[in-house]
Amino acid sequence: MKGGFSIKEVAKLTGLSEHTLRFYEKQQLIKNISRDENGYRIYSDFDIEWIHFLIKVKNTGMPLNELQKYSELMAQGNPTLPEREKMLLQHRKRVENEISDLEITLTKIDEKLDRYHHLMQELNLL
């Protein structure tokens, strides 16, 4: 497709379904998607980068309302950089805390596995 990507191509590039891409657009997470003369969506390289970013922050637990707010700020351009930075710094802190909690949990799991291993050795179950 000249000058952009079809929704089918973007679905393949991002791993999202066409339905999800339409949902993201309806939820105002993806904005200003161009249309061709037949009304079909035409995604730009920027749109694809943006979708990849959305996937990443969504996968780290950013709530839908925050994703929508961030998307709206993005659409407003550079004057919103300080507010976007603040949002990402807050989200980064939440992700850091979650990683810390997961590391603690992983340590507890490892301790339990070590205990099982020693018990199985004592019981000749290995």
N, C-alpha and C. Protein backbone atom coordinates (compact mmCIF):
# COMPACT_ATOMS: atom_id res chain seq x y z
N MET A 1 0.85 -1.18 0.00
CA MET A 1 0.00 0.00 0.00
C MET A 1 0.89 1.24 0.00
N LYS A 2 0.67 2.11 -0.94
CA LYS A 2 1.51 3.30 -1.08
C LYS A 2 1.20 4.31 0.02
N GLY A 3 2.28 4.76 0.69
CA GLY A 3 2.13 5.83 1.66
C GLY A 3 1.67 5.41 3.04
N GLY A 4 1.55 4.14 3.32
CA GLY A 4 1.14 3.73 4.65
C GLY A 4 0.81 2.25 4.71
N PHE A 5 0.20 1.87 5.81
CA PHE A 5 -0.09 0.47 6.07
C PHE A 5 -1.58 0.27 6.28
N SER A 6 -2.09 -0.83 5.79
CA SER A 6 -3.49 -1.17 6.01
C SER A 6 -3.67 -1.71 7.42
N ILE A 7 -4.89 -1.81 7.86
CA ILE A 7 -5.16 -2.33 9.20
C ILE A 7 -4.68 -3.77 9.30
N LYS A 8 -4.80 -4.53 8.24
CA LYS A 8 -4.34 -5.92 8.22
C LYS A 8 -2.82 -5.99 8.41
N GLU A 9 -2.11 -5.10 7.73
CA GLU A 9 -0.65 -5.05 7.87
C GLU A 9 -0.24 -4.64 9.28
N VAL A 10 -0.95 -3.67 9.83
CA VAL A 10 -0.64 -3.19 11.18
C VAL A 10 -0.93 -4.28 12.20
N ALA A 11 -1.98 -5.03 11.99
CA ALA A 11 -2.29 -6.15 12.89
C ALA A 11 -1.12 -7.13 12.90
N LYS A 12 -0.58 -7.44 11.73
CA LYS A 12 0.56 -8.36 11.66
C LYS A 12 1.80 -7.75 12.32
N LEU A 13 2.05 -6.48 12.08
CA LEU A 13 3.24 -5.81 12.62
C LEU A 13 3.21 -5.66 14.14
N THR A 14 2.01 -5.52 14.70
CA THR A 14 1.90 -5.23 16.13
C THR A 14 1.46 -6.44 16.96
N GLY A 15 0.90 -7.44 16.30
CA GLY A 15 0.39 -8.59 17.03
C GLY A 15 -1.00 -8.37 17.60
N LEU A 16 -1.59 -7.23 17.30
CA LEU A 16 -2.96 -6.95 17.74
C LEU A 16 -3.93 -7.37 16.64
N SER A 17 -5.13 -7.70 17.02
CA SER A 17 -6.15 -8.03 16.02
C SER A 17 -6.69 -6.73 15.40
N GLU A 18 -7.30 -6.86 14.24
CA GLU A 18 -7.93 -5.70 13.62
C GLU A 18 -9.03 -5.16 14.53
N HIS A 19 -9.74 -6.07 15.19
CA HIS A 19 -10.78 -5.66 16.13
C HIS A 19 -10.20 -4.80 17.25
N THR A 20 -9.06 -5.22 17.80
CA THR A 20 -8.42 -4.47 18.88
C THR A 20 -7.96 -3.10 18.39
N LEU A 21 -7.41 -3.05 17.19
CA LEU A 21 -6.99 -1.76 16.63
C LEU A 21 -8.18 -0.82 16.50
N ARG A 22 -9.30 -1.34 16.04
CA ARG A 22 -10.51 -0.49 15.93
C ARG A 22 -10.98 -0.06 17.32
N PHE A 23 -10.91 -0.98 18.29
CA PHE A 23 -11.29 -0.66 19.67
C PHE A 23 -10.39 0.45 20.23
N TYR A 24 -9.09 0.34 20.01
CA TYR A 24 -8.17 1.36 20.48
C TYR A 24 -8.51 2.72 19.87
N GLU A 25 -8.87 2.71 18.61
CA GLU A 25 -9.25 3.97 17.96
C GLU A 25 -10.53 4.52 18.57
N LYS A 26 -11.50 3.64 18.80
CA LYS A 26 -12.76 4.06 19.40
C LYS A 26 -12.56 4.61 20.81
N GLN A 27 -11.59 4.04 21.54
CA GLN A 27 -11.30 4.48 22.90
C GLN A 27 -10.38 5.70 22.93
N GLN A 28 -10.07 6.24 21.75
CA GLN A 28 -9.23 7.43 21.63
C GLN A 28 -7.78 7.18 22.05
N LEU A 29 -7.33 5.93 21.98
CA LEU A 29 -5.93 5.63 22.25
C LEU A 29 -5.09 5.86 21.00
N ILE A 30 -5.69 5.61 19.85
CA ILE A 30 -5.05 5.88 18.56
C ILE A 30 -5.89 6.97 17.90
N LYS A 31 -5.23 8.04 17.53
CA LYS A 31 -5.96 9.19 16.99
C LYS A 31 -5.48 9.55 15.59
N ASN A 32 -6.36 10.23 14.89
CA ASN A 32 -6.03 10.84 13.60
C ASN A 32 -5.48 9.86 12.56
N ILE A 33 -6.07 8.67 12.49
CA ILE A 33 -5.66 7.72 11.47
C ILE A 33 -6.20 8.21 10.13
N SER A 34 -5.31 8.29 9.17
CA SER A 34 -5.70 8.75 7.83
C SER A 34 -6.61 7.71 7.18
N ARG A 35 -7.33 8.17 6.20
CA ARG A 35 -8.21 7.29 5.41
C ARG A 35 -7.91 7.51 3.94
N ASP A 36 -8.03 6.43 3.17
CA ASP A 36 -7.85 6.58 1.72
C ASP A 36 -9.18 7.00 1.09
N GLU A 37 -9.20 7.09 -0.23
CA GLU A 37 -10.39 7.56 -0.93
C GLU A 37 -11.59 6.64 -0.75
N ASN A 38 -11.34 5.39 -0.33
CA ASN A 38 -12.43 4.44 -0.08
C ASN A 38 -12.81 4.36 1.40
N GLY A 39 -12.15 5.17 2.22
CA GLY A 39 -12.46 5.19 3.64
C GLY A 39 -11.68 4.17 4.46
N TYR A 40 -10.75 3.46 3.83
CA TYR A 40 -9.95 2.49 4.56
C TYR A 40 -8.85 3.19 5.35
N ARG A 41 -8.59 2.67 6.54
CA ARG A 41 -7.56 3.25 7.39
C ARG A 41 -6.18 3.08 6.76
N ILE A 42 -5.38 4.14 6.89
CA ILE A 42 -3.98 4.14 6.43
C ILE A 42 -3.13 4.55 7.63
N TYR A 43 -2.33 3.62 8.11
CA TYR A 43 -1.48 3.88 9.27
C TYR A 43 -0.08 4.29 8.82
N SER A 44 0.49 5.25 9.53
CA SER A 44 1.85 5.72 9.24
C SER A 44 2.86 4.98 10.11
N ASP A 45 4.14 5.19 9.82
CA ASP A 45 5.20 4.64 10.66
C ASP A 45 5.04 5.14 12.10
N PHE A 46 4.69 6.42 12.25
CA PHE A 46 4.48 6.99 13.58
C PHE A 46 3.35 6.26 14.30
N ASP A 47 2.26 5.98 13.59
CA ASP A 47 1.13 5.26 14.19
C ASP A 47 1.57 3.90 14.72
N ILE A 48 2.39 3.21 13.95
CA ILE A 48 2.86 1.89 14.36
C ILE A 48 3.76 2.00 15.59
N GLU A 49 4.66 2.98 15.60
CA GLU A 49 5.50 3.21 16.79
C GLU A 49 4.63 3.50 18.01
N TRP A 50 3.63 4.33 17.82
CA TRP A 50 2.72 4.70 18.90
C TRP A 50 1.99 3.47 19.42
N ILE A 51 1.52 2.61 18.53
CA ILE A 51 0.81 1.39 18.94
C ILE A 51 1.75 0.48 19.73
N HIS A 52 2.98 0.34 19.29
CA HIS A 52 3.95 -0.47 20.03
C HIS A 52 4.16 0.10 21.44
N PHE A 53 4.26 1.41 21.55
CA PHE A 53 4.40 2.05 22.86
C PHE A 53 3.17 1.76 23.73
N LEU A 54 1.98 1.91 23.17
CA LEU A 54 0.75 1.63 23.91
C LEU A 54 0.73 0.21 24.44
N ILE A 55 1.13 -0.72 23.60
CA ILE A 55 1.16 -2.13 24.01
C ILE A 55 2.08 -2.30 25.22
N LYS A 56 3.25 -1.69 25.16
CA LYS A 56 4.22 -1.83 26.25
C LYS A 56 3.69 -1.25 27.56
N VAL A 57 3.17 -0.03 27.52
CA VAL A 57 2.71 0.57 28.78
C VAL A 57 1.44 -0.12 29.28
N LYS A 58 0.60 -0.57 28.37
CA LYS A 58 -0.59 -1.33 28.77
C LYS A 58 -0.16 -2.63 29.44
N ASN A 59 0.83 -3.31 28.88
CA ASN A 59 1.31 -4.56 29.46
C ASN A 59 1.97 -4.38 30.82
N THR A 60 2.36 -3.16 31.14
CA THR A 60 2.93 -2.89 32.47
C THR A 60 1.87 -2.37 33.44
N GLY A 61 0.63 -2.42 33.02
CA GLY A 61 -0.47 -2.12 33.93
C GLY A 61 -0.99 -0.70 33.94
N MET A 62 -0.60 0.12 32.97
CA MET A 62 -1.17 1.47 32.95
C MET A 62 -2.67 1.35 32.68
N PRO A 63 -3.50 1.95 33.54
CA PRO A 63 -4.95 1.86 33.37
C PRO A 63 -5.43 2.55 32.09
N LEU A 64 -6.55 2.09 31.58
CA LEU A 64 -7.12 2.63 30.34
C LEU A 64 -7.33 4.14 30.42
N ASN A 65 -7.84 4.63 31.54
CA ASN A 65 -8.08 6.08 31.64
C ASN A 65 -6.79 6.88 31.55
N GLU A 66 -5.68 6.32 32.08
CA GLU A 66 -4.39 7.02 31.98
C GLU A 66 -3.85 6.93 30.55
N LEU A 67 -4.05 5.78 29.90
CA LEU A 67 -3.65 5.66 28.50
C LEU A 67 -4.40 6.67 27.64
N GLN A 68 -5.68 6.83 27.92
CA GLN A 68 -6.50 7.80 27.17
C GLN A 68 -6.01 9.22 27.41
N LYS A 69 -5.72 9.54 28.66
CA LYS A 69 -5.23 10.89 28.98
C LYS A 69 -3.89 11.13 28.29
N TYR A 70 -2.99 10.16 28.37
CA TYR A 70 -1.68 10.30 27.74
C TYR A 70 -1.83 10.48 26.24
N SER A 71 -2.71 9.71 25.63
CA SER A 71 -2.95 9.82 24.19
C SER A 71 -3.49 11.21 23.82
N GLU A 72 -4.38 11.71 24.64
CA GLU A 72 -4.93 13.05 24.39
C GLU A 72 -3.83 14.10 24.50
N LEU A 73 -2.97 13.97 25.50
CA LEU A 73 -1.86 14.91 25.65
C LEU A 73 -0.91 14.82 24.45
N MET A 74 -0.64 13.61 23.99
CA MET A 74 0.21 13.42 22.81
C MET A 74 -0.35 14.18 21.62
N ALA A 75 -1.66 14.06 21.45
CA ALA A 75 -2.32 14.71 20.31
C ALA A 75 -2.22 16.23 20.40
N GLN A 76 -2.04 16.76 21.60
CA GLN A 76 -1.94 18.22 21.78
C GLN A 76 -0.54 18.75 21.50
N GLY A 77 0.42 17.85 21.39
CA GLY A 77 1.75 18.26 20.99
C GLY A 77 2.70 18.63 22.11
N ASN A 78 3.78 19.32 21.71
CA ASN A 78 4.89 19.62 22.61
C ASN A 78 4.56 20.40 23.88
N PRO A 79 3.57 21.29 23.88
CA PRO A 79 3.28 21.99 25.13
C PRO A 79 2.92 21.05 26.29
N THR A 80 2.53 19.80 25.98
CA THR A 80 2.14 18.87 27.03
C THR A 80 3.29 17.96 27.48
N LEU A 81 4.50 18.22 26.97
CA LEU A 81 5.65 17.38 27.34
C LEU A 81 5.84 17.26 28.86
N PRO A 82 5.78 18.36 29.62
CA PRO A 82 5.98 18.22 31.08
C PRO A 82 4.94 17.31 31.74
N GLU A 83 3.70 17.42 31.31
CA GLU A 83 2.65 16.59 31.91
C GLU A 83 2.82 15.12 31.51
N ARG A 84 3.20 14.88 30.25
CA ARG A 84 3.45 13.51 29.81
C ARG A 84 4.64 12.91 30.55
N GLU A 85 5.68 13.72 30.73
CA GLU A 85 6.84 13.24 31.47
C GLU A 85 6.43 12.85 32.89
N LYS A 86 5.64 13.68 33.54
CA LYS A 86 5.19 13.41 34.90
C LYS A 86 4.39 12.10 34.94
N MET A 87 3.52 11.91 33.97
CA MET A 87 2.73 10.68 33.93
C MET A 87 3.64 9.45 33.79
N LEU A 88 4.62 9.54 32.90
CA LEU A 88 5.51 8.40 32.69
C LEU A 88 6.41 8.15 33.89
N LEU A 89 6.84 9.21 34.55
CA LEU A 89 7.65 9.03 35.76
C LEU A 89 6.84 8.34 36.86
N GLN A 90 5.58 8.72 37.01
CA GLN A 90 4.72 8.06 38.00
C GLN A 90 4.50 6.60 37.63
N HIS A 91 4.26 6.35 36.36
CA HIS A 91 4.06 4.96 35.92
C HIS A 91 5.34 4.16 36.10
N ARG A 92 6.47 4.77 35.79
CA ARG A 92 7.76 4.09 35.96
C ARG A 92 7.95 3.66 37.41
N LYS A 93 7.59 4.53 38.34
CA LYS A 93 7.71 4.21 39.76
C LYS A 93 6.82 3.01 40.11
N ARG A 94 5.61 2.97 39.58
CA ARG A 94 4.72 1.83 39.83
C ARG A 94 5.33 0.54 39.29
N VAL A 95 5.91 0.63 38.09
CA VAL A 95 6.54 -0.55 37.49
C VAL A 95 7.74 -1.00 38.32
N GLU A 96 8.56 -0.04 38.78
CA GLU A 96 9.69 -0.39 39.64
C GLU A 96 9.22 -1.11 40.90
N ASN A 97 8.14 -0.61 41.51
CA ASN A 97 7.60 -1.24 42.72
C ASN A 97 7.11 -2.64 42.43
N GLU A 98 6.46 -2.80 41.29
CA GLU A 98 5.97 -4.13 40.92
C GLU A 98 7.13 -5.09 40.68
N ILE A 99 8.18 -4.62 40.03
CA ILE A 99 9.36 -5.46 39.81
C ILE A 99 9.96 -5.87 41.16
N SER A 100 10.06 -4.93 42.08
CA SER A 100 10.59 -5.23 43.40
C SER A 100 9.74 -6.29 44.10
N ASP A 101 8.42 -6.14 44.04
CA ASP A 101 7.52 -7.12 44.65
C ASP A 101 7.68 -8.49 43.99
N LEU A 102 7.84 -8.51 42.68
CA LEU A 102 8.02 -9.77 41.97
C LEU A 102 9.35 -10.43 42.32
N GLU A 103 10.39 -9.62 42.51
CA GLU A 103 11.69 -10.16 42.91
C GLU A 103 11.60 -10.81 44.30
N ILE A 104 10.86 -10.18 45.20
CA ILE A 104 10.66 -10.75 46.54
C ILE A 104 9.90 -12.07 46.43
N THR A 105 8.87 -12.08 45.61
CA THR A 105 8.09 -13.30 45.40
C THR A 105 8.94 -14.40 44.79
N LEU A 106 9.76 -14.04 43.83
CA LEU A 106 10.64 -15.01 43.19
C LEU A 106 11.62 -15.61 44.20
N THR A 107 12.14 -14.78 45.08
CA THR A 107 13.03 -15.27 46.14
C THR A 107 12.30 -16.28 47.03
N LYS A 108 11.07 -15.98 47.39
CA LYS A 108 10.28 -16.89 48.23
C LYS A 108 10.03 -18.22 47.50
N ILE A 109 9.73 -18.15 46.23
CA ILE A 109 9.53 -19.37 45.44
C ILE A 109 10.81 -20.19 45.40
N ASP A 110 11.94 -19.53 45.18
CA ASP A 110 13.23 -20.23 45.16
C ASP A 110 13.53 -20.89 46.50
N GLU A 111 13.23 -20.20 47.59
CA GLU A 111 13.44 -20.77 48.92
C GLU A 111 12.59 -22.03 49.10
N LYS A 112 11.36 -21.98 48.66
CA LYS A 112 10.46 -23.13 48.78
C LYS A 112 10.96 -24.28 47.91
N LEU A 113 11.42 -23.98 46.71
CA LEU A 113 11.96 -25.02 45.83
C LEU A 113 13.20 -25.67 46.43
N ASP A 114 14.06 -24.87 47.03
CA ASP A 114 15.25 -25.41 47.70
C ASP A 114 14.84 -26.35 48.83
N ARG A 115 13.86 -25.93 49.58
CA ARG A 115 13.36 -26.79 50.69
C ARG A 115 12.83 -28.10 50.14
N TYR A 116 12.04 -28.04 49.08
CA TYR A 116 11.52 -29.27 48.47
C TYR A 116 12.65 -30.16 47.99
N HIS A 117 13.64 -29.57 47.37
CA HIS A 117 14.77 -30.33 46.84
C HIS A 117 15.49 -31.07 47.97
N HIS A 118 15.75 -30.37 49.07
CA HIS A 118 16.43 -30.99 50.22
C HIS A 118 15.57 -32.10 50.84
N LEU A 119 14.29 -31.85 50.97
CA LEU A 119 13.40 -32.87 51.53
C LEU A 119 13.35 -34.10 50.63
N MET A 120 13.28 -33.90 49.32
CA MET A 120 13.25 -35.03 48.40
C MET A 120 14.55 -35.82 48.45
N GLN A 121 15.67 -35.11 48.65
CA GLN A 121 16.96 -35.81 48.80
C GLN A 121 16.94 -36.68 50.06
N GLU A 122 16.46 -36.11 51.16
CA GLU A 122 16.40 -36.84 52.42
C GLU A 122 15.49 -38.06 52.31
N LEU A 123 14.43 -37.94 51.54
CA LEU A 123 13.45 -39.02 51.39
C LEU A 123 13.79 -39.95 50.22
N ASN A 124 14.94 -39.72 49.60
CA ASN A 124 15.36 -40.50 48.43
C ASN A 124 14.33 -40.49 47.30
N LEU A 125 13.75 -39.34 47.07
CA LEU A 125 12.77 -39.19 46.00
C LEU A 125 13.40 -38.62 44.73
N LEU A 126 14.69 -38.40 44.77
CA LEU A 126 15.39 -37.87 43.58
C LEU A 126 16.12 -38.97 42.86
